[in-house]
Amino acid sequence: MQSLDRKFWTQQYQNGTTNWDIGYPSPPLKEFIDTIENKELKILVPGAGNAYEVEYLWNQGFKNVFLLDISPSPLENFKKRNPTFPEQQMILKNFFDIKEKYDLVLEQTFFCAIDRELRKKYAEKMHEVIVPGGKLAGVLFGKEFDKEGPPFGGTKKEYLPYFEPYFEVKEMHLCKNSIPPRAGNELWIELIRK
């Protein structure tokens, strides 16, 4: 299996093989963001890619938002589109190496992009970086794919044992507002950190 490292992801951006990139905030995440009243929340979007959700948050007045990616390419793309966004809130790092704490982590195509073997570690790390009572919210794929990933699929039944030791599962159900090509394939999650 190919190593899903900085070189791999940078190559995807350079080659234009970014089929996951829809060019705007994912409707399930946009709708969720529109319900957040506290603009002071410290928010992380890991594996943010071109970070349309971060751009949307920023433009809605969320100034304590951070994007993280392992590849410099999407961070450069984001900076070109958002030249006034603070450099210190753009993190070029492996998610598993971060130490900061956040009130909310938004999940969009990150969990499905990491090696399956890291899923337990992902849940543990999310528990570590989210403050008690904080939230992990976003979209996971809710189906298996015909070919080996990324993206890597899965099911609610598979995911629950990863998260239940660390989070109260408030919601985990099929998204009602996915873009047409993803309809019926996305799970909306809202998990409260124990």
N, C-alpha and C. Protein backbone atom coordinates (compact mmCIF):
# COMPACT_ATOMS: atom_id res chain seq x y z
N MET A 1 0.84 -1.20 0.00
CA MET A 1 0.00 0.00 0.00
C MET A 1 0.88 1.26 0.00
N GLN A 2 0.45 2.23 -0.75
CA GLN A 2 1.20 3.49 -0.86
C GLN A 2 1.18 4.25 0.46
N SER A 3 2.29 4.86 0.80
CA SER A 3 2.36 5.67 2.01
C SER A 3 1.60 6.98 1.78
N LEU A 4 0.61 7.25 2.65
CA LEU A 4 -0.21 8.45 2.50
C LEU A 4 0.45 9.59 3.27
N ASP A 5 1.58 10.02 2.77
CA ASP A 5 2.39 11.03 3.45
C ASP A 5 2.32 12.37 2.71
N ARG A 6 3.12 13.31 3.16
CA ARG A 6 3.14 14.65 2.55
C ARG A 6 3.40 14.58 1.05
N LYS A 7 4.36 13.74 0.66
CA LYS A 7 4.70 13.62 -0.77
C LYS A 7 3.50 13.12 -1.57
N PHE A 8 2.80 12.11 -1.07
CA PHE A 8 1.64 11.55 -1.76
C PHE A 8 0.58 12.62 -1.97
N TRP A 9 0.22 13.33 -0.89
CA TRP A 9 -0.88 14.30 -0.99
C TRP A 9 -0.48 15.50 -1.83
N THR A 10 0.77 15.94 -1.72
CA THR A 10 1.22 17.07 -2.55
C THR A 10 1.14 16.69 -4.03
N GLN A 11 1.50 15.46 -4.33
CA GLN A 11 1.44 14.98 -5.71
C GLN A 11 0.00 15.00 -6.23
N GLN A 12 -0.97 14.67 -5.38
CA GLN A 12 -2.38 14.70 -5.81
C GLN A 12 -2.77 16.11 -6.24
N TYR A 13 -2.35 17.11 -5.46
CA TYR A 13 -2.68 18.50 -5.81
C TYR A 13 -1.95 18.93 -7.07
N GLN A 14 -0.70 18.58 -7.18
CA GLN A 14 0.09 18.98 -8.36
C GLN A 14 -0.43 18.33 -9.63
N ASN A 15 -0.93 17.08 -9.51
CA ASN A 15 -1.46 16.36 -10.68
C ASN A 15 -2.92 16.69 -10.95
N GLY A 16 -3.55 17.42 -10.04
CA GLY A 16 -4.97 17.73 -10.22
C GLY A 16 -5.89 16.55 -9.96
N THR A 17 -5.40 15.54 -9.25
CA THR A 17 -6.22 14.37 -8.94
C THR A 17 -6.88 14.56 -7.57
N THR A 18 -7.73 15.58 -7.50
CA THR A 18 -8.39 15.95 -6.25
C THR A 18 -9.91 15.83 -6.44
N ASN A 19 -10.35 14.62 -6.73
CA ASN A 19 -11.78 14.39 -7.00
C ASN A 19 -12.66 14.69 -5.81
N TRP A 20 -12.10 14.71 -4.61
CA TRP A 20 -12.88 14.99 -3.41
C TRP A 20 -13.22 16.47 -3.29
N ASP A 21 -12.50 17.31 -4.02
CA ASP A 21 -12.64 18.76 -3.91
C ASP A 21 -13.83 19.23 -4.74
N ILE A 22 -14.89 19.69 -4.05
CA ILE A 22 -16.10 20.13 -4.78
C ILE A 22 -16.08 21.62 -5.08
N GLY A 23 -15.10 22.36 -4.53
CA GLY A 23 -14.95 23.77 -4.88
C GLY A 23 -15.74 24.74 -4.03
N TYR A 24 -16.42 24.24 -3.02
CA TYR A 24 -17.22 25.08 -2.12
C TYR A 24 -17.48 24.27 -0.85
N PRO A 25 -18.00 24.92 0.22
CA PRO A 25 -18.24 24.18 1.46
C PRO A 25 -19.26 23.06 1.24
N SER A 26 -18.98 21.91 1.81
CA SER A 26 -19.90 20.78 1.76
C SER A 26 -21.24 21.18 2.38
N PRO A 27 -22.37 20.93 1.72
CA PRO A 27 -23.66 21.35 2.28
C PRO A 27 -23.93 20.87 3.71
N PRO A 28 -23.61 19.61 4.08
CA PRO A 28 -23.86 19.24 5.49
C PRO A 28 -23.07 20.11 6.47
N LEU A 29 -21.82 20.43 6.14
CA LEU A 29 -21.01 21.25 7.04
C LEU A 29 -21.48 22.70 7.03
N LYS A 30 -21.81 23.22 5.87
CA LYS A 30 -22.29 24.61 5.79
C LYS A 30 -23.55 24.77 6.64
N GLU A 31 -24.47 23.82 6.51
CA GLU A 31 -25.71 23.90 7.28
C GLU A 31 -25.42 23.83 8.78
N PHE A 32 -24.49 22.98 9.18
CA PHE A 32 -24.11 22.89 10.59
C PHE A 32 -23.46 24.19 11.06
N ILE A 33 -22.53 24.72 10.28
CA ILE A 33 -21.86 25.98 10.64
C ILE A 33 -22.88 27.08 10.86
N ASP A 34 -23.91 27.11 10.02
CA ASP A 34 -24.93 28.15 10.13
C ASP A 34 -25.72 28.07 11.44
N THR A 35 -25.62 26.96 12.16
CA THR A 35 -26.32 26.84 13.46
C THR A 35 -25.44 27.24 14.64
N ILE A 36 -24.15 27.47 14.41
CA ILE A 36 -23.22 27.79 15.51
C ILE A 36 -23.36 29.26 15.88
N GLU A 37 -23.71 29.51 17.11
CA GLU A 37 -23.91 30.90 17.55
C GLU A 37 -22.65 31.52 18.15
N ASN A 38 -21.82 30.71 18.80
CA ASN A 38 -20.64 31.23 19.48
C ASN A 38 -19.48 31.39 18.51
N LYS A 39 -19.24 32.62 18.09
CA LYS A 39 -18.19 32.91 17.10
C LYS A 39 -16.79 32.87 17.72
N GLU A 40 -16.72 32.71 19.05
CA GLU A 40 -15.43 32.67 19.74
C GLU A 40 -14.84 31.26 19.83
N LEU A 41 -15.60 30.25 19.45
CA LEU A 41 -15.11 28.87 19.53
C LEU A 41 -13.78 28.72 18.81
N LYS A 42 -12.91 27.93 19.39
CA LYS A 42 -11.64 27.60 18.74
C LYS A 42 -11.90 26.35 17.90
N ILE A 43 -11.79 26.50 16.58
CA ILE A 43 -12.21 25.46 15.64
C ILE A 43 -11.02 25.00 14.80
N LEU A 44 -10.92 23.69 14.64
CA LEU A 44 -9.90 23.08 13.78
C LEU A 44 -10.58 22.31 12.65
N VAL A 45 -10.02 22.47 11.44
CA VAL A 45 -10.42 21.62 10.32
C VAL A 45 -9.16 20.88 9.87
N PRO A 46 -9.02 19.60 10.29
CA PRO A 46 -7.82 18.84 9.92
C PRO A 46 -7.96 18.21 8.54
N GLY A 47 -6.82 18.04 7.86
CA GLY A 47 -6.88 17.52 6.49
C GLY A 47 -7.75 18.42 5.66
N ALA A 48 -7.59 19.73 5.87
CA ALA A 48 -8.54 20.72 5.34
C ALA A 48 -8.52 20.84 3.83
N GLY A 49 -7.44 20.39 3.19
CA GLY A 49 -7.37 20.56 1.74
C GLY A 49 -7.47 22.03 1.38
N ASN A 50 -8.26 22.35 0.36
CA ASN A 50 -8.42 23.74 -0.06
C ASN A 50 -9.28 24.55 0.89
N ALA A 51 -9.83 23.90 1.90
CA ALA A 51 -10.40 24.55 3.10
C ALA A 51 -11.54 25.53 2.81
N TYR A 52 -12.47 25.11 1.98
CA TYR A 52 -13.63 25.97 1.71
C TYR A 52 -14.46 26.18 2.97
N GLU A 53 -14.50 25.18 3.85
CA GLU A 53 -15.24 25.32 5.11
C GLU A 53 -14.56 26.36 6.01
N VAL A 54 -13.22 26.38 6.02
CA VAL A 54 -12.49 27.39 6.81
C VAL A 54 -12.77 28.78 6.24
N GLU A 55 -12.73 28.90 4.93
CA GLU A 55 -13.02 30.18 4.28
C GLU A 55 -14.43 30.65 4.64
N TYR A 56 -15.39 29.74 4.61
CA TYR A 56 -16.77 30.09 4.95
C TYR A 56 -16.87 30.53 6.42
N LEU A 57 -16.26 29.77 7.32
CA LEU A 57 -16.25 30.15 8.73
C LEU A 57 -15.67 31.55 8.92
N TRP A 58 -14.52 31.79 8.31
CA TRP A 58 -13.83 33.07 8.43
C TRP A 58 -14.73 34.21 7.95
N ASN A 59 -15.38 34.00 6.82
CA ASN A 59 -16.25 35.03 6.25
C ASN A 59 -17.53 35.24 7.06
N GLN A 60 -17.88 34.25 7.90
CA GLN A 60 -19.04 34.38 8.77
C GLN A 60 -18.68 34.97 10.13
N GLY A 61 -17.39 35.33 10.30
CA GLY A 61 -16.98 36.00 11.54
C GLY A 61 -16.33 35.12 12.57
N PHE A 62 -16.03 33.87 12.22
CA PHE A 62 -15.31 32.98 13.14
C PHE A 62 -13.81 33.25 12.95
N LYS A 63 -13.22 33.98 13.87
CA LYS A 63 -11.83 34.40 13.70
C LYS A 63 -10.83 33.49 14.43
N ASN A 64 -11.35 32.49 15.17
CA ASN A 64 -10.49 31.58 15.92
C ASN A 64 -10.52 30.20 15.26
N VAL A 65 -10.40 30.20 13.93
CA VAL A 65 -10.49 28.97 13.15
C VAL A 65 -9.11 28.64 12.57
N PHE A 66 -8.78 27.36 12.58
CA PHE A 66 -7.47 26.88 12.15
C PHE A 66 -7.63 25.80 11.10
N LEU A 67 -6.80 25.88 10.05
CA LEU A 67 -6.78 24.79 9.09
C LEU A 67 -5.46 24.07 9.18
N LEU A 68 -5.52 22.76 9.03
CA LEU A 68 -4.35 21.92 9.13
C LEU A 68 -4.31 20.99 7.93
N ASP A 69 -3.15 20.88 7.32
CA ASP A 69 -2.97 19.90 6.26
C ASP A 69 -1.52 19.45 6.26
N ILE A 70 -1.31 18.24 5.77
CA ILE A 70 0.03 17.65 5.72
C ILE A 70 0.80 18.15 4.49
N SER A 71 0.07 18.67 3.50
CA SER A 71 0.70 19.14 2.25
C SER A 71 0.68 20.66 2.19
N PRO A 72 1.75 21.27 1.72
CA PRO A 72 1.76 22.73 1.57
C PRO A 72 0.89 23.23 0.43
N SER A 73 0.62 22.39 -0.57
CA SER A 73 -0.11 22.84 -1.77
C SER A 73 -1.48 23.43 -1.46
N PRO A 74 -2.35 22.73 -0.70
CA PRO A 74 -3.66 23.34 -0.44
C PRO A 74 -3.57 24.58 0.44
N LEU A 75 -2.56 24.64 1.32
CA LEU A 75 -2.39 25.84 2.15
C LEU A 75 -2.03 27.03 1.26
N GLU A 76 -1.20 26.80 0.27
CA GLU A 76 -0.85 27.86 -0.68
C GLU A 76 -2.08 28.30 -1.47
N ASN A 77 -2.88 27.32 -1.90
CA ASN A 77 -4.12 27.64 -2.63
C ASN A 77 -5.06 28.48 -1.77
N PHE A 78 -5.19 28.09 -0.52
CA PHE A 78 -6.07 28.80 0.41
C PHE A 78 -5.58 30.24 0.61
N LYS A 79 -4.28 30.39 0.79
CA LYS A 79 -3.70 31.72 1.04
C LYS A 79 -3.91 32.65 -0.15
N LYS A 80 -3.83 32.10 -1.36
CA LYS A 80 -4.09 32.93 -2.55
C LYS A 80 -5.52 33.45 -2.56
N ARG A 81 -6.45 32.60 -2.13
CA ARG A 81 -7.86 33.00 -2.12
C ARG A 81 -8.19 33.89 -0.92
N ASN A 82 -7.41 33.76 0.16
CA ASN A 82 -7.69 34.45 1.41
C ASN A 82 -6.43 35.12 1.95
N PRO A 83 -5.95 36.16 1.26
CA PRO A 83 -4.65 36.75 1.63
C PRO A 83 -4.62 37.38 3.02
N THR A 84 -5.75 37.71 3.60
CA THR A 84 -5.75 38.35 4.93
C THR A 84 -5.88 37.32 6.06
N PHE A 85 -6.04 36.04 5.73
CA PHE A 85 -6.17 35.01 6.77
C PHE A 85 -4.82 34.89 7.49
N PRO A 86 -4.83 34.85 8.83
CA PRO A 86 -3.56 34.82 9.58
C PRO A 86 -2.72 33.56 9.31
N GLU A 87 -1.46 33.79 8.97
CA GLU A 87 -0.53 32.68 8.69
C GLU A 87 -0.44 31.69 9.84
N GLN A 88 -0.47 32.21 11.10
CA GLN A 88 -0.30 31.34 12.26
C GLN A 88 -1.51 30.42 12.47
N GLN A 89 -2.59 30.64 11.73
CA GLN A 89 -3.76 29.78 11.83
C GLN A 89 -3.81 28.77 10.68
N MET A 90 -2.74 28.75 9.89
CA MET A 90 -2.58 27.76 8.82
C MET A 90 -1.46 26.82 9.25
N ILE A 91 -1.81 25.59 9.55
CA ILE A 91 -0.86 24.66 10.16
C ILE A 91 -0.44 23.59 9.16
N LEU A 92 0.85 23.56 8.83
CA LEU A 92 1.41 22.53 7.96
C LEU A 92 2.02 21.47 8.87
N LYS A 93 1.25 20.40 9.11
CA LYS A 93 1.70 19.40 10.08
C LYS A 93 0.86 18.14 9.92
N ASN A 94 1.39 17.05 10.41
CA ASN A 94 0.63 15.81 10.52
C ASN A 94 -0.33 15.96 11.70
N PHE A 95 -1.59 15.65 11.50
CA PHE A 95 -2.60 15.76 12.54
C PHE A 95 -2.17 15.07 13.84
N PHE A 96 -1.52 13.93 13.72
CA PHE A 96 -1.16 13.15 14.91
C PHE A 96 -0.03 13.80 15.72
N ASP A 97 0.55 14.88 15.20
CA ASP A 97 1.62 15.59 15.90
C ASP A 97 1.16 16.87 16.58
N ILE A 98 -0.12 17.24 16.43
CA ILE A 98 -0.55 18.51 17.02
C ILE A 98 -0.75 18.37 18.52
N LYS A 99 -0.60 19.48 19.23
CA LYS A 99 -0.70 19.49 20.69
C LYS A 99 -1.81 20.43 21.19
N GLU A 100 -2.23 21.36 20.36
CA GLU A 100 -3.24 22.35 20.77
C GLU A 100 -4.56 21.70 21.12
N LYS A 101 -5.41 22.44 21.82
CA LYS A 101 -6.77 21.99 22.19
C LYS A 101 -7.79 22.86 21.46
N TYR A 102 -8.92 22.24 21.11
CA TYR A 102 -9.96 22.93 20.34
C TYR A 102 -11.33 22.65 20.94
N ASP A 103 -12.24 23.61 20.75
CA ASP A 103 -13.62 23.44 21.19
C ASP A 103 -14.41 22.58 20.21
N LEU A 104 -14.05 22.70 18.94
CA LEU A 104 -14.78 22.02 17.87
C LEU A 104 -13.80 21.60 16.79
N VAL A 105 -13.93 20.36 16.34
CA VAL A 105 -13.18 19.89 15.18
C VAL A 105 -14.21 19.51 14.12
N LEU A 106 -14.02 20.06 12.92
CA LEU A 106 -14.90 19.74 11.79
C LEU A 106 -14.24 18.70 10.91
N GLU A 107 -14.96 17.64 10.65
CA GLU A 107 -14.48 16.50 9.87
C GLU A 107 -15.07 16.56 8.45
N GLN A 108 -14.19 16.68 7.48
CA GLN A 108 -14.63 16.68 6.07
C GLN A 108 -13.55 16.00 5.23
N THR A 109 -13.79 14.76 4.87
CA THR A 109 -12.89 13.98 4.00
C THR A 109 -11.52 13.70 4.61
N PHE A 110 -11.36 13.84 5.92
CA PHE A 110 -10.07 13.55 6.54
C PHE A 110 -10.01 12.11 7.03
N PHE A 111 -10.97 11.70 7.83
CA PHE A 111 -11.01 10.33 8.36
C PHE A 111 -10.90 9.30 7.23
N CYS A 112 -11.58 9.58 6.11
CA CYS A 112 -11.58 8.63 4.99
C CYS A 112 -10.28 8.66 4.20
N ALA A 113 -9.42 9.63 4.48
CA ALA A 113 -8.18 9.78 3.72
C ALA A 113 -6.97 9.15 4.40
N ILE A 114 -7.13 8.80 5.68
CA ILE A 114 -6.00 8.19 6.39
C ILE A 114 -6.09 6.67 6.32
N ASP A 115 -4.95 6.02 6.50
CA ASP A 115 -4.93 4.55 6.50
C ASP A 115 -5.93 4.00 7.51
N ARG A 116 -6.63 2.95 7.13
CA ARG A 116 -7.61 2.32 8.02
C ARG A 116 -7.00 1.94 9.37
N GLU A 117 -5.72 1.54 9.36
CA GLU A 117 -5.06 1.13 10.60
C GLU A 117 -4.97 2.26 11.61
N LEU A 118 -5.15 3.50 11.15
CA LEU A 118 -5.03 4.66 12.04
C LEU A 118 -6.36 5.10 12.64
N ARG A 119 -7.43 4.41 12.35
CA ARG A 119 -8.75 4.87 12.81
C ARG A 119 -8.87 4.90 14.33
N LYS A 120 -8.37 3.90 15.00
CA LYS A 120 -8.42 3.90 16.47
C LYS A 120 -7.58 5.06 17.01
N LYS A 121 -6.39 5.25 16.42
CA LYS A 121 -5.51 6.34 16.84
C LYS A 121 -6.16 7.70 16.56
N TYR A 122 -6.91 7.80 15.46
CA TYR A 122 -7.64 9.03 15.11
C TYR A 122 -8.62 9.37 16.24
N ALA A 123 -9.42 8.38 16.68
CA ALA A 123 -10.39 8.63 17.74
C ALA A 123 -9.69 9.05 19.03
N GLU A 124 -8.58 8.39 19.36
CA GLU A 124 -7.81 8.74 20.56
C GLU A 124 -7.27 10.16 20.46
N LYS A 125 -6.72 10.51 19.30
CA LYS A 125 -6.14 11.85 19.12
C LYS A 125 -7.23 12.92 19.17
N MET A 126 -8.39 12.64 18.57
CA MET A 126 -9.50 13.60 18.64
C MET A 126 -9.89 13.84 20.09
N HIS A 127 -9.92 12.78 20.89
CA HIS A 127 -10.23 12.92 22.31
C HIS A 127 -9.19 13.79 23.01
N GLU A 128 -7.96 13.66 22.59
CA GLU A 128 -6.85 14.42 23.18
C GLU A 128 -6.93 15.91 22.84
N VAL A 129 -7.30 16.23 21.59
CA VAL A 129 -7.23 17.64 21.15
C VAL A 129 -8.54 18.41 21.34
N ILE A 130 -9.62 17.71 21.62
CA ILE A 130 -10.90 18.39 21.86
C ILE A 130 -11.08 18.55 23.36
N VAL A 131 -11.49 19.74 23.77
CA VAL A 131 -11.69 20.00 25.20
C VAL A 131 -12.88 19.18 25.72
N PRO A 132 -12.91 18.85 27.02
CA PRO A 132 -14.07 18.14 27.56
C PRO A 132 -15.37 18.90 27.25
N GLY A 133 -16.35 18.17 26.74
CA GLY A 133 -17.61 18.79 26.34
C GLY A 133 -17.57 19.38 24.95
N GLY A 134 -16.38 19.41 24.33
CA GLY A 134 -16.26 19.90 22.96
C GLY A 134 -16.82 18.89 21.98
N LYS A 135 -16.76 19.24 20.70
CA LYS A 135 -17.47 18.44 19.72
C LYS A 135 -16.62 18.12 18.50
N LEU A 136 -16.82 16.91 17.98
CA LEU A 136 -16.33 16.49 16.67
C LEU A 136 -17.56 16.35 15.80
N ALA A 137 -17.62 17.12 14.72
CA ALA A 137 -18.80 17.09 13.86
C ALA A 137 -18.38 17.09 12.40
N GLY A 138 -19.16 16.42 11.58
CA GLY A 138 -18.89 16.43 10.15
C GLY A 138 -19.36 15.18 9.45
N VAL A 139 -18.62 14.83 8.40
CA VAL A 139 -19.07 13.79 7.49
C VAL A 139 -18.03 12.67 7.39
N LEU A 140 -18.51 11.43 7.53
CA LEU A 140 -17.73 10.23 7.24
C LEU A 140 -18.43 9.50 6.09
N PHE A 141 -17.71 8.70 5.34
CA PHE A 141 -18.38 7.88 4.35
C PHE A 141 -19.11 6.75 5.05
N GLY A 142 -20.32 6.47 4.60
CA GLY A 142 -21.14 5.43 5.20
C GLY A 142 -21.34 4.24 4.28
N LYS A 143 -20.32 3.93 3.51
CA LYS A 143 -20.37 2.76 2.62
C LYS A 143 -18.96 2.29 2.33
N GLU A 144 -18.84 1.05 1.92
CA GLU A 144 -17.56 0.53 1.46
C GLU A 144 -17.42 0.83 -0.02
N PHE A 145 -16.20 1.02 -0.47
CA PHE A 145 -15.95 1.30 -1.88
C PHE A 145 -15.44 0.04 -2.59
N ASP A 146 -15.63 0.01 -3.91
CA ASP A 146 -15.22 -1.15 -4.71
C ASP A 146 -13.71 -1.27 -4.81
N LYS A 147 -13.02 -0.15 -4.71
CA LYS A 147 -11.56 -0.19 -4.85
C LYS A 147 -10.90 0.30 -3.56
N GLU A 148 -9.66 -0.09 -3.40
CA GLU A 148 -8.90 0.35 -2.23
C GLU A 148 -8.66 1.85 -2.33
N GLY A 149 -8.71 2.53 -1.20
CA GLY A 149 -8.61 3.99 -1.17
C GLY A 149 -7.19 4.51 -1.17
N PRO A 150 -7.05 5.80 -0.94
CA PRO A 150 -8.10 6.67 -0.45
C PRO A 150 -9.08 7.08 -1.56
N PRO A 151 -10.34 7.41 -1.22
CA PRO A 151 -10.89 7.38 0.13
C PRO A 151 -11.20 5.96 0.59
N PHE A 152 -11.20 5.80 1.91
CA PHE A 152 -11.54 4.52 2.53
C PHE A 152 -12.94 4.65 3.12
N GLY A 153 -13.79 3.70 2.80
CA GLY A 153 -15.15 3.73 3.31
C GLY A 153 -15.28 2.98 4.62
N GLY A 154 -16.51 2.72 4.99
CA GLY A 154 -16.80 1.99 6.20
C GLY A 154 -18.26 2.11 6.55
N THR A 155 -18.61 1.64 7.72
CA THR A 155 -20.00 1.64 8.16
C THR A 155 -20.13 2.17 9.58
N LYS A 156 -21.33 2.57 9.92
CA LYS A 156 -21.62 3.03 11.27
C LYS A 156 -21.24 1.95 12.28
N LYS A 157 -21.58 0.71 11.98
CA LYS A 157 -21.27 -0.41 12.88
C LYS A 157 -19.77 -0.51 13.13
N GLU A 158 -18.96 -0.27 12.09
CA GLU A 158 -17.51 -0.31 12.25
C GLU A 158 -17.01 0.89 13.06
N TYR A 159 -17.59 2.07 12.80
CA TYR A 159 -17.08 3.31 13.40
C TYR A 159 -17.38 3.43 14.90
N LEU A 160 -18.56 2.98 15.31
CA LEU A 160 -18.97 3.21 16.70
C LEU A 160 -17.95 2.74 17.74
N PRO A 161 -17.36 1.53 17.60
CA PRO A 161 -16.39 1.10 18.62
C PRO A 161 -15.15 1.99 18.71
N TYR A 162 -14.81 2.68 17.63
CA TYR A 162 -13.67 3.61 17.70
C TYR A 162 -14.01 4.80 18.59
N PHE A 163 -15.23 5.32 18.44
CA PHE A 163 -15.59 6.58 19.08
C PHE A 163 -16.23 6.44 20.46
N GLU A 164 -16.99 5.38 20.68
CA GLU A 164 -17.76 5.28 21.92
C GLU A 164 -16.94 5.35 23.21
N PRO A 165 -15.68 4.86 23.24
CA PRO A 165 -14.92 5.01 24.49
C PRO A 165 -14.60 6.47 24.84
N TYR A 166 -14.61 7.35 23.84
CA TYR A 166 -14.13 8.72 24.04
C TYR A 166 -15.20 9.79 23.87
N PHE A 167 -16.29 9.44 23.22
CA PHE A 167 -17.30 10.43 22.86
C PHE A 167 -18.71 9.91 23.13
N GLU A 168 -19.59 10.83 23.46
CA GLU A 168 -21.02 10.53 23.47
C GLU A 168 -21.50 10.73 22.03
N VAL A 169 -22.11 9.72 21.46
CA VAL A 169 -22.57 9.81 20.08
C VAL A 169 -23.94 10.49 20.06
N LYS A 170 -23.92 11.77 19.73
CA LYS A 170 -25.17 12.54 19.67
C LYS A 170 -25.91 12.23 18.37
N GLU A 171 -25.16 12.19 17.27
CA GLU A 171 -25.75 11.88 15.97
C GLU A 171 -24.76 11.07 15.14
N MET A 172 -25.28 10.07 14.43
CA MET A 172 -24.52 9.35 13.42
C MET A 172 -25.56 8.70 12.50
N HIS A 173 -25.86 9.40 11.41
CA HIS A 173 -26.92 8.96 10.50
C HIS A 173 -26.61 9.44 9.09
N LEU A 174 -27.32 8.89 8.13
CA LEU A 174 -27.12 9.32 6.75
C LEU A 174 -27.41 10.81 6.61
N CYS A 175 -26.56 11.49 5.87
CA CYS A 175 -26.78 12.91 5.59
C CYS A 175 -28.03 13.07 4.72
N LYS A 176 -28.76 14.12 4.99
CA LYS A 176 -29.97 14.41 4.20
C LYS A 176 -29.69 15.44 3.12
N ASN A 177 -28.51 16.03 3.14
CA ASN A 177 -28.24 17.14 2.23
C ASN A 177 -26.87 17.00 1.54
N SER A 178 -26.50 15.78 1.21
CA SER A 178 -25.24 15.55 0.49
C SER A 178 -25.38 16.08 -0.94
N ILE A 179 -24.25 16.37 -1.57
CA ILE A 179 -24.30 16.69 -3.00
C ILE A 179 -24.74 15.42 -3.74
N PRO A 180 -25.40 15.54 -4.89
CA PRO A 180 -25.96 14.37 -5.57
C PRO A 180 -25.00 13.18 -5.75
N PRO A 181 -23.73 13.38 -6.17
CA PRO A 181 -22.88 12.20 -6.34
C PRO A 181 -22.58 11.44 -5.04
N ARG A 182 -22.77 12.09 -3.89
CA ARG A 182 -22.48 11.46 -2.60
C ARG A 182 -23.75 11.06 -1.83
N ALA A 183 -24.91 11.33 -2.42
CA ALA A 183 -26.18 11.05 -1.74
C ALA A 183 -26.26 9.57 -1.35
N GLY A 184 -26.62 9.33 -0.09
CA GLY A 184 -26.75 7.97 0.41
C GLY A 184 -25.44 7.33 0.83
N ASN A 185 -24.34 8.06 0.66
CA ASN A 185 -23.01 7.52 0.98
C ASN A 185 -22.32 8.22 2.14
N GLU A 186 -22.94 9.26 2.69
CA GLU A 186 -22.29 10.04 3.75
C GLU A 186 -23.05 9.92 5.06
N LEU A 187 -22.29 9.78 6.14
CA LEU A 187 -22.85 9.76 7.49
C LEU A 187 -22.54 11.10 8.15
N TRP A 188 -23.56 11.73 8.71
CA TRP A 188 -23.36 12.94 9.51
C TRP A 188 -23.05 12.50 10.94
N ILE A 189 -22.00 13.06 11.53
CA ILE A 189 -21.66 12.75 12.92
C ILE A 189 -21.63 14.02 13.77
N GLU A 190 -22.12 13.88 14.98
CA GLU A 190 -21.91 14.88 16.03
C GLU A 190 -21.58 14.09 17.28
N LEU A 191 -20.33 14.24 17.73
CA LEU A 191 -19.84 13.49 18.87
C LEU A 191 -19.37 14.46 19.94
N ILE A 192 -19.81 14.24 21.16
CA ILE A 192 -19.45 15.11 22.29
C ILE A 192 -18.32 14.44 23.07
N ARG A 193 -17.24 15.16 23.26
CA ARG A 193 -16.06 14.61 23.94
C ARG A 193 -16.35 14.36 25.41
N LYS A 194 -16.11 13.12 25.86
CA LYS A 194 -16.34 12.75 27.27
C LYS A 194 -15.26 13.35 28.16
